[in-house]
Protein backbone atom coordinates (compact mmCIF):
# COMPACT_ATOMS: atom_id res chain seq x y z
CA MET A 1 -4.80 -67.78 6.14
CA PRO A 2 -7.01 -69.06 9.02
CA SER A 3 -7.43 -72.46 7.33
CA ARG A 4 -3.82 -73.32 8.14
CA LEU A 5 -4.40 -72.44 11.79
CA PHE A 6 -7.63 -74.46 11.79
CA LEU A 7 -5.80 -77.48 10.38
CA GLY A 8 -3.24 -77.22 13.17
CA ILE A 9 -5.96 -77.31 15.84
CA VAL A 10 -7.79 -80.15 14.08
CA ASN A 11 -4.62 -82.24 13.89
CA GLN A 12 -3.97 -81.70 17.59
CA MET A 13 -7.50 -82.70 18.60
CA LYS A 14 -8.18 -85.60 16.25
CA ASP A 15 -6.43 -88.21 18.44
CA VAL A 16 -8.24 -87.02 21.56
CA ILE A 17 -11.68 -86.99 19.94
CA ASN A 18 -10.95 -90.07 17.79
CA ARG A 19 -13.58 -89.08 15.19
CA THR A 20 -13.51 -87.26 11.89
CA ILE A 21 -13.52 -83.53 12.62
CA GLY A 22 -13.13 -80.42 10.49
CA VAL A 23 -14.18 -76.95 9.38
CA VAL A 24 -16.49 -75.74 6.58
CA ASP A 25 -16.37 -72.18 5.20
CA GLU A 26 -19.21 -70.05 3.81
CA SER A 27 -18.90 -71.61 0.36
CA PHE A 28 -19.47 -75.05 1.99
CA SER A 29 -15.90 -76.05 1.20
CA ILE A 30 -14.01 -78.12 3.77
CA VAL A 31 -10.97 -75.99 4.65
CA ALA A 32 -9.61 -78.23 7.44
CA CYS A 33 -10.25 -81.88 8.22
CA SER A 34 -8.66 -84.75 10.12
CA ASP A 35 -9.39 -86.85 7.02
CA LEU A 36 -7.01 -85.14 4.60
CA SER A 37 -8.69 -86.71 1.58
CA ARG A 38 -11.74 -84.49 2.18
CA MET A 39 -9.78 -81.23 2.19
CA GLY A 40 -11.06 -78.84 -0.46
CA SER A 41 -14.19 -80.86 -1.23
CA ASN A 42 -17.72 -79.50 -0.88
CA CYS A 43 -19.97 -80.45 2.00
CA GLU A 44 -23.05 -81.21 -0.14
CA ALA A 45 -25.25 -82.06 2.84
CA LEU A 46 -25.39 -78.41 3.90
CA ASN A 47 -27.38 -75.50 2.44
CA GLY A 48 -27.67 -71.76 2.98
CA ASP A 49 -29.73 -72.17 6.14
CA ALA A 50 -26.76 -73.74 7.93
CA PHE A 51 -25.16 -70.33 8.53
CA GLY A 52 -28.34 -69.05 10.10
CA MET A 53 -28.35 -71.66 12.88
CA SER A 54 -27.52 -70.29 16.32
CA GLU A 55 -27.31 -73.67 18.08
CA THR A 56 -25.56 -76.96 17.44
CA PHE A 57 -27.38 -78.97 14.75
CA VAL A 58 -27.15 -82.42 13.14
CA GLN A 59 -27.04 -83.20 9.41
CA ASP A 60 -26.31 -86.51 7.63
CA GLY A 61 -24.46 -88.17 10.49
CA TYR A 62 -22.42 -85.13 11.54
CA THR A 63 -22.87 -82.50 14.26
CA TYR A 64 -22.19 -78.87 13.32
CA ARG A 65 -21.59 -75.65 15.25
CA LEU A 66 -21.30 -72.12 13.84
CA PHE A 67 -18.38 -69.90 14.88
CA GLY A 68 -16.48 -66.80 13.76
CA THR A 69 -15.77 -63.19 14.68
CA ARG A 70 -18.74 -61.84 12.71
CA PRO A 71 -22.16 -61.75 14.40
CA GLN A 72 -23.60 -64.21 11.87
CA GLY A 73 -20.54 -66.48 11.96
CA GLU A 74 -18.16 -67.40 9.16
CA TYR A 75 -17.35 -71.10 9.63
CA LEU A 76 -18.91 -74.35 10.76
CA ALA A 77 -17.05 -76.82 12.98
CA PHE A 78 -18.15 -80.42 12.54
CA VAL A 79 -17.63 -83.73 14.35
CA GLU A 80 -18.60 -87.17 13.11
CA GLY A 81 -21.60 -88.57 15.03
CA THR A 82 -24.98 -87.37 16.28
CA ASP A 83 -24.77 -88.40 19.93
CA GLU A 84 -24.35 -86.22 23.01
CA ALA A 85 -20.57 -86.67 22.97
CA ALA A 86 -20.44 -85.40 19.39
CA ALA A 87 -22.36 -82.28 20.45
CA LYS A 88 -19.90 -81.59 23.28
CA TYR A 89 -16.89 -82.24 21.03
CA THR A 90 -18.31 -79.87 18.41
CA GLU A 91 -18.85 -77.10 20.95
CA LEU A 92 -15.32 -77.48 22.31
CA LEU A 93 -13.89 -77.53 18.80
CA ALA A 94 -15.87 -74.40 17.83
CA ILE A 95 -14.65 -72.55 20.95
CA SER A 96 -11.02 -73.46 20.25
CA LEU A 97 -11.24 -72.54 16.57
CA ASN A 98 -13.02 -69.28 17.34
CA SER A 99 -10.24 -68.25 19.73
CA VAL A 100 -7.64 -68.93 17.04
CA LYS A 101 -9.70 -66.99 14.48
CA GLN A 102 -10.05 -64.01 16.82
CA TYR A 103 -6.33 -63.98 17.50
CA TYR A 104 -5.62 -64.13 13.77
CA ASP A 105 -8.01 -61.26 13.03
CA GLU A 106 -6.54 -59.04 15.70
CA LYS A 107 -2.94 -59.72 14.74
CA TYR A 108 -3.15 -59.81 10.95
CA ASP A 109 -6.48 -58.56 9.62
CA ARG A 110 -6.20 -55.32 11.56
CA GLY A 111 -2.80 -54.71 10.05
CA ASN A 112 -4.09 -55.41 6.54
CA PHE A 113 -7.08 -53.19 7.22
CA ILE A 114 -4.88 -50.27 8.29
CA LYS A 115 -2.63 -50.81 5.26
CA ASN A 116 -5.64 -50.66 2.94
CA VAL A 117 -6.87 -47.49 4.67
CA ILE A 118 -3.61 -45.53 4.45
CA MET A 119 -3.04 -46.57 0.83
CA ASP A 120 -6.60 -45.70 -0.22
CA ASN A 121 -7.39 -49.30 -1.19
CA ILE A 122 -10.75 -49.37 0.56
CA LEU A 123 -13.90 -47.40 -0.17
CA PRO A 124 -14.65 -44.65 2.39
CA GLY A 125 -18.08 -46.14 3.06
CA ASP A 126 -16.56 -49.52 3.92
CA ILE A 127 -13.97 -48.20 6.36
CA TYR A 128 -16.27 -47.85 9.38
CA LEU A 129 -18.10 -51.11 8.61
CA LYS A 130 -14.81 -53.00 8.58
CA ALA A 131 -13.63 -51.16 11.69
CA ARG A 132 -16.72 -52.33 13.57
CA GLU A 133 -16.18 -55.91 12.41
CA LEU A 134 -12.63 -55.83 13.76
CA HIS A 135 -13.65 -54.02 16.97
CA PHE A 136 -11.28 -51.27 15.95
CA ASN A 137 -11.43 -47.91 17.73
CA SER A 138 -11.79 -45.53 14.81
CA ASP A 139 -12.15 -42.23 16.67
CA VAL A 140 -8.85 -41.86 18.52
CA SER A 141 -6.10 -39.54 17.34
CA ARG A 142 -3.37 -41.19 15.23
CA VAL A 143 -0.42 -40.14 13.11
CA VAL A 144 1.61 -41.86 10.38
CA LEU A 145 5.40 -42.00 10.41
CA LEU A 146 6.99 -43.27 7.20
CA VAL A 147 10.41 -44.87 7.58
CA HIS A 148 12.56 -44.99 4.46
CA ILE A 149 15.52 -47.40 4.63
CA HIS A 150 18.68 -46.20 2.86
CA THR A 151 21.05 -49.01 3.79
CA GLN A 152 20.00 -52.60 4.46
CA SER A 153 21.59 -54.85 7.06
CA GLU A 154 21.25 -58.49 8.03
CA ILE A 155 18.77 -57.52 10.75
CA SER A 156 15.19 -56.93 9.61
CA ALA A 157 14.34 -53.26 10.15
CA PHE A 158 10.67 -54.24 10.25
CA ASP A 159 11.23 -56.58 13.21
CA VAL A 160 13.27 -53.97 15.06
CA ILE A 161 10.64 -51.26 14.60
CA GLN A 162 7.87 -53.67 15.56
CA ASN A 163 9.66 -54.39 18.84
CA LEU A 164 9.75 -50.64 19.54
CA PHE A 165 5.94 -50.54 19.47
CA PRO A 166 4.77 -53.43 21.70
CA GLU A 167 1.14 -52.27 22.00
CA LYS A 168 -0.14 -54.26 19.02
CA ASN A 169 -3.76 -53.19 19.49
CA LYS A 170 -2.90 -49.48 19.43
CA ASP A 171 0.15 -49.07 17.20
CA PHE A 172 0.64 -50.72 13.81
CA VAL A 173 3.87 -51.34 11.91
CA ILE A 174 3.21 -52.03 8.24
CA ASN A 175 5.50 -53.05 5.39
CA ILE A 176 4.76 -50.81 2.39
CA ASN A 177 7.52 -52.10 0.11
CA GLU A 178 11.16 -53.21 0.28
CA THR A 179 12.40 -49.83 1.52
CA ASP A 180 9.41 -48.19 3.24
CA ILE A 181 7.74 -49.05 6.54
CA ALA A 182 4.74 -47.15 7.91
CA VAL A 183 4.15 -46.72 11.64
CA VAL A 184 0.57 -45.81 12.58
CA LYS A 185 0.88 -44.44 16.09
CA GLU A 186 -2.01 -43.82 18.46
CA MET A 187 -1.60 -40.43 20.13
CA HIS A 188 -2.69 -38.66 23.27
CA THR A 189 -4.08 -35.16 22.87
CA ARG A 190 -1.10 -33.68 24.71
CA VAL A 191 1.47 -35.01 22.23
CA GLU A 192 3.17 -32.22 20.27
CA SER A 193 5.12 -32.13 17.03
CA LYS A 194 8.47 -32.11 18.85
CA ASP A 195 7.44 -35.29 20.70
CA LEU A 196 6.83 -37.04 17.38
CA GLU A 197 10.21 -35.87 16.12
CA LYS A 198 11.83 -37.32 19.25
CA LEU A 199 10.02 -40.61 18.62
CA ALA A 200 11.20 -40.66 15.00
CA GLN A 201 14.73 -39.84 16.13
CA SER A 202 14.68 -42.73 18.60
CA ILE A 203 13.77 -45.10 15.72
CA ALA A 204 16.62 -43.70 13.63
CA ASP A 205 19.08 -43.91 16.54
CA THR A 206 18.13 -47.51 17.37
CA LEU A 207 18.49 -48.72 13.79
CA GLY A 208 21.62 -46.65 13.16
CA SER A 209 23.64 -47.24 16.32
CA GLU A 210 22.68 -50.85 17.06
CA PHE A 211 22.05 -52.32 13.61
CA TYR A 212 23.95 -49.94 11.26
CA THR A 213 20.82 -49.27 9.23
CA GLN A 214 20.50 -45.71 7.93
CA ILE A 215 16.98 -44.35 7.60
CA SER A 216 15.00 -41.16 7.16
CA VAL A 217 11.56 -40.58 8.63
CA GLY A 218 8.69 -38.49 7.29
CA ILE A 219 6.04 -37.42 9.80
CA GLY A 220 2.45 -36.65 8.76
CA THR A 221 0.03 -34.54 10.77
CA PRO A 222 -2.17 -36.12 13.49
CA VAL A 223 -5.73 -36.97 12.43
CA GLU A 224 -8.80 -37.71 14.51
CA GLY A 225 -10.78 -40.15 12.34
CA ILE A 226 -9.56 -43.36 10.78
CA LYS A 227 -10.61 -42.33 7.29
CA ASP A 228 -8.11 -39.42 7.42
CA LEU A 229 -5.16 -41.75 8.02
CA ALA A 230 -4.59 -41.82 4.24
CA ARG A 231 -3.99 -38.06 4.35
CA SER A 232 -1.47 -38.39 7.18
CA PHE A 233 0.32 -41.12 5.19
CA LYS A 234 0.48 -38.94 2.04
CA GLU A 235 1.81 -36.06 4.14
CA ALA A 236 4.55 -38.32 5.49
CA GLN A 237 5.42 -39.27 1.89
CA VAL A 238 5.54 -35.61 0.89
CA ALA A 239 7.71 -34.79 3.93
CA LEU A 240 10.24 -37.43 2.87
CA GLU A 241 10.24 -36.29 -0.75
CA VAL A 242 10.50 -32.58 0.05
CA GLY A 243 13.16 -33.31 2.66
CA LYS A 244 15.15 -35.23 0.06
CA VAL A 245 15.12 -32.13 -2.17
CA PHE A 246 15.52 -29.24 0.27
CA ASP A 247 16.84 -30.71 3.55
CA THR A 248 19.24 -33.39 2.40
CA GLU A 249 21.08 -33.46 5.73
CA LYS A 250 17.98 -34.04 7.84
CA ALA A 251 16.98 -37.59 8.79
CA ILE A 252 13.69 -36.51 10.39
CA VAL A 253 11.31 -34.35 8.36
CA SER A 254 7.91 -33.24 9.63
CA TYR A 255 5.18 -32.13 7.25
CA ASP A 256 4.26 -29.33 9.67
CA ASN A 257 7.75 -27.81 9.40
CA LEU A 258 8.25 -27.85 5.64
CA GLY A 259 7.40 -24.17 5.31
CA ILE A 260 7.82 -22.61 1.89
CA ALA A 261 9.38 -25.82 0.56
CA ARG A 262 5.94 -27.47 0.74
CA LEU A 263 4.45 -24.64 -1.31
CA ILE A 264 7.13 -24.94 -3.99
CA TYR A 265 6.67 -28.73 -4.12
CA GLN A 266 2.98 -28.25 -4.93
CA LEU A 267 3.62 -25.89 -7.85
CA PRO A 268 3.58 -27.11 -11.47
CA THR A 269 7.03 -27.23 -13.03
CA THR A 270 5.93 -24.97 -15.88
CA LEU A 271 5.03 -22.26 -13.36
CA CYS A 272 8.40 -22.69 -11.63
CA GLU A 273 10.27 -22.31 -14.91
CA MET A 274 8.27 -19.18 -15.72
CA PHE A 275 9.10 -17.74 -12.29
CA LEU A 276 12.84 -18.26 -12.83
CA ARG A 277 12.71 -16.57 -16.23
CA GLU A 278 10.93 -13.54 -14.74
CA VAL A 279 13.30 -13.25 -11.77
CA PHE A 280 16.51 -13.56 -13.76
CA LYS A 281 15.74 -11.31 -16.71
CA GLN A 282 19.25 -9.85 -16.81
CA GLY A 283 21.12 -13.12 -16.49
CA SER A 284 20.57 -16.78 -15.75
CA ILE A 285 21.09 -18.27 -12.32
CA ASP A 286 23.34 -20.77 -14.09
CA SER A 287 25.86 -17.97 -14.68
CA LEU A 288 26.73 -17.98 -10.98
CA ASP A 289 29.73 -20.14 -10.09
CA GLN A 290 29.95 -22.42 -7.04
CA GLU A 291 31.99 -19.94 -5.01
CA THR A 292 29.38 -17.25 -5.55
CA LEU A 293 26.54 -19.61 -4.64
CA PHE A 294 28.43 -20.63 -1.48
CA THR A 295 28.82 -16.96 -0.56
CA ILE A 296 25.09 -16.40 -1.06
CA GLN A 297 24.23 -19.39 1.13
CA ARG A 298 26.43 -18.12 3.99
CA PHE A 299 24.98 -14.62 3.58
CA PHE A 300 21.47 -16.00 4.06
CA GLU A 301 22.56 -18.14 7.01
CA ASN A 302 23.87 -15.03 8.75
CA ASN A 303 20.62 -13.07 8.25
CA LEU A 304 22.04 -10.75 5.53
CA ASN A 305 24.68 -9.43 7.92
CA VAL A 306 27.71 -8.38 5.86
CA SER A 307 30.16 -8.13 8.77
CA GLU A 308 29.21 -11.48 10.29
CA THR A 309 29.27 -13.25 6.90
CA SER A 310 32.70 -11.88 6.01
CA ARG A 311 34.00 -13.04 9.39
CA LYS A 312 32.59 -16.54 8.89
CA LEU A 313 34.03 -16.71 5.35
CA PHE A 314 37.42 -15.36 6.52
CA VAL A 315 37.37 -12.62 3.90
CA HIS A 316 37.59 -8.83 4.15
CA ARG A 317 34.29 -6.97 4.37
CA ASN A 318 35.03 -5.10 1.14
CA THR A 319 35.64 -8.44 -0.64
CA LEU A 320 32.19 -9.62 0.33
CA VAL A 321 30.64 -6.31 -0.74
CA TYR A 322 32.40 -6.67 -4.12
CA ARG A 323 30.93 -10.18 -4.52
CA LEU A 324 27.45 -8.93 -3.67
CA GLU A 325 27.82 -6.11 -6.22
CA LYS A 326 28.88 -8.69 -8.81
CA ILE A 327 25.71 -10.73 -8.07
CA LYS A 328 23.64 -7.56 -8.48
CA ARG A 329 25.19 -6.88 -11.89
CA LEU A 330 24.60 -10.46 -13.07
CA THR A 331 21.07 -10.94 -11.77
CA GLY A 332 19.67 -7.49 -11.10
CA LEU A 333 19.01 -8.45 -7.46
CA ASP A 334 20.70 -6.73 -4.51
CA LEU A 335 20.85 -9.33 -1.73
CA ARG A 336 21.38 -6.59 0.86
CA GLU A 337 17.79 -5.55 0.20
CA PHE A 338 15.28 -7.69 2.08
CA ASP A 339 12.76 -8.02 -0.75
CA ASP A 340 15.42 -8.97 -3.30
CA ALA A 341 16.91 -11.45 -0.84
CA ILE A 342 13.53 -13.16 -0.39
CA VAL A 343 13.02 -13.45 -4.15
CA PHE A 344 16.52 -14.83 -4.63
CA LYS A 345 16.11 -17.34 -1.77
CA VAL A 346 12.86 -18.64 -3.26
CA ALA A 347 14.42 -18.77 -6.73
CA LEU A 348 17.28 -20.92 -5.44
CA MET A 349 14.79 -23.32 -3.88
CA VAL A 350 12.74 -23.46 -7.08
CA LYS A 351 15.89 -24.19 -9.09
CA LYS A 352 16.84 -26.95 -6.68
CA TYR A 353 13.33 -28.38 -6.92
CA LEU A 354 13.41 -28.47 -10.73
CA MET A 355 16.81 -30.13 -10.77
CA ALA A 356 15.66 -32.82 -8.33
CA ASP A 357 12.59 -33.77 -10.42
CA PRO A 358 10.80 -35.18 -7.33
CA VAL A 359 7.99 -37.74 -7.32
CA LYS A 360 4.58 -36.16 -6.69
CA TYR A 361 2.14 -37.88 -4.31
């Protein structure tokens, strides 16, 4: 809160000025004062016209000066007295307080603004108005990386990540909750998806190797306008959730590379259940034991090549053919046929998706 910063400046200057000094907000409440007994009280001598004054003015034995980061000003600095010295003290006080206010806005309000944008807590019509108030460049390309912390350590992951992005006016590190941290990264037009994955990997490596903090990172797609940052954030959330279901071994998951997993994630569960019933008319997928499922996985990994799969599994080619024939009898699908293999691969992913019961964003 700026009032705490104002009080710090007032306390430092009160002995030098040796007069009662302070700050009044737009509700005419005294938010900082060298006379602590007046803190929180109303400045009854002022009225609505006070915030329309562009120059120093005098009222009831005090000199006032408007300041703030908005064009019309947000606060009034005041100094006891109506003489020339009081006017100079008031101007100096207003300049000092304005600098503190500007620093506060740039460091904190911008971060809060970005957090409200990505979490859809601000009306679309207010986004550009607020961006102009904060002198925020709203037309550059940006992307959201969402860091999910799996294991906590004594070192604050937020502080570590913040140190990795020193350009505070371009990149923003935002605490979403106890386990999630969003990084809003300004991008150049030449940055590609693989560059973002390298950046995410560097975050994971730094936290993992130096601070023993295990994380996963979801990467949204780059957006041009500030109002689309919420979409990039949701995509990063989806990337993490889909990665948790389908790519459990991956620490870095990009929304652009989700492929068919993204399509399955967007389907209603009732439709998925119907698809499984239609595919496995002859027998349920649950009738397949773990050894058979492992064989199927290796068969897919080796591009439906029987010889290569049997070699990797250390079994005779005829043994693998027998297993594939058994799968055909149980499910009605011949995995040596490309079309059947595609259907079976999708069915396995759908089954995995239903078992995971993921959170939809």
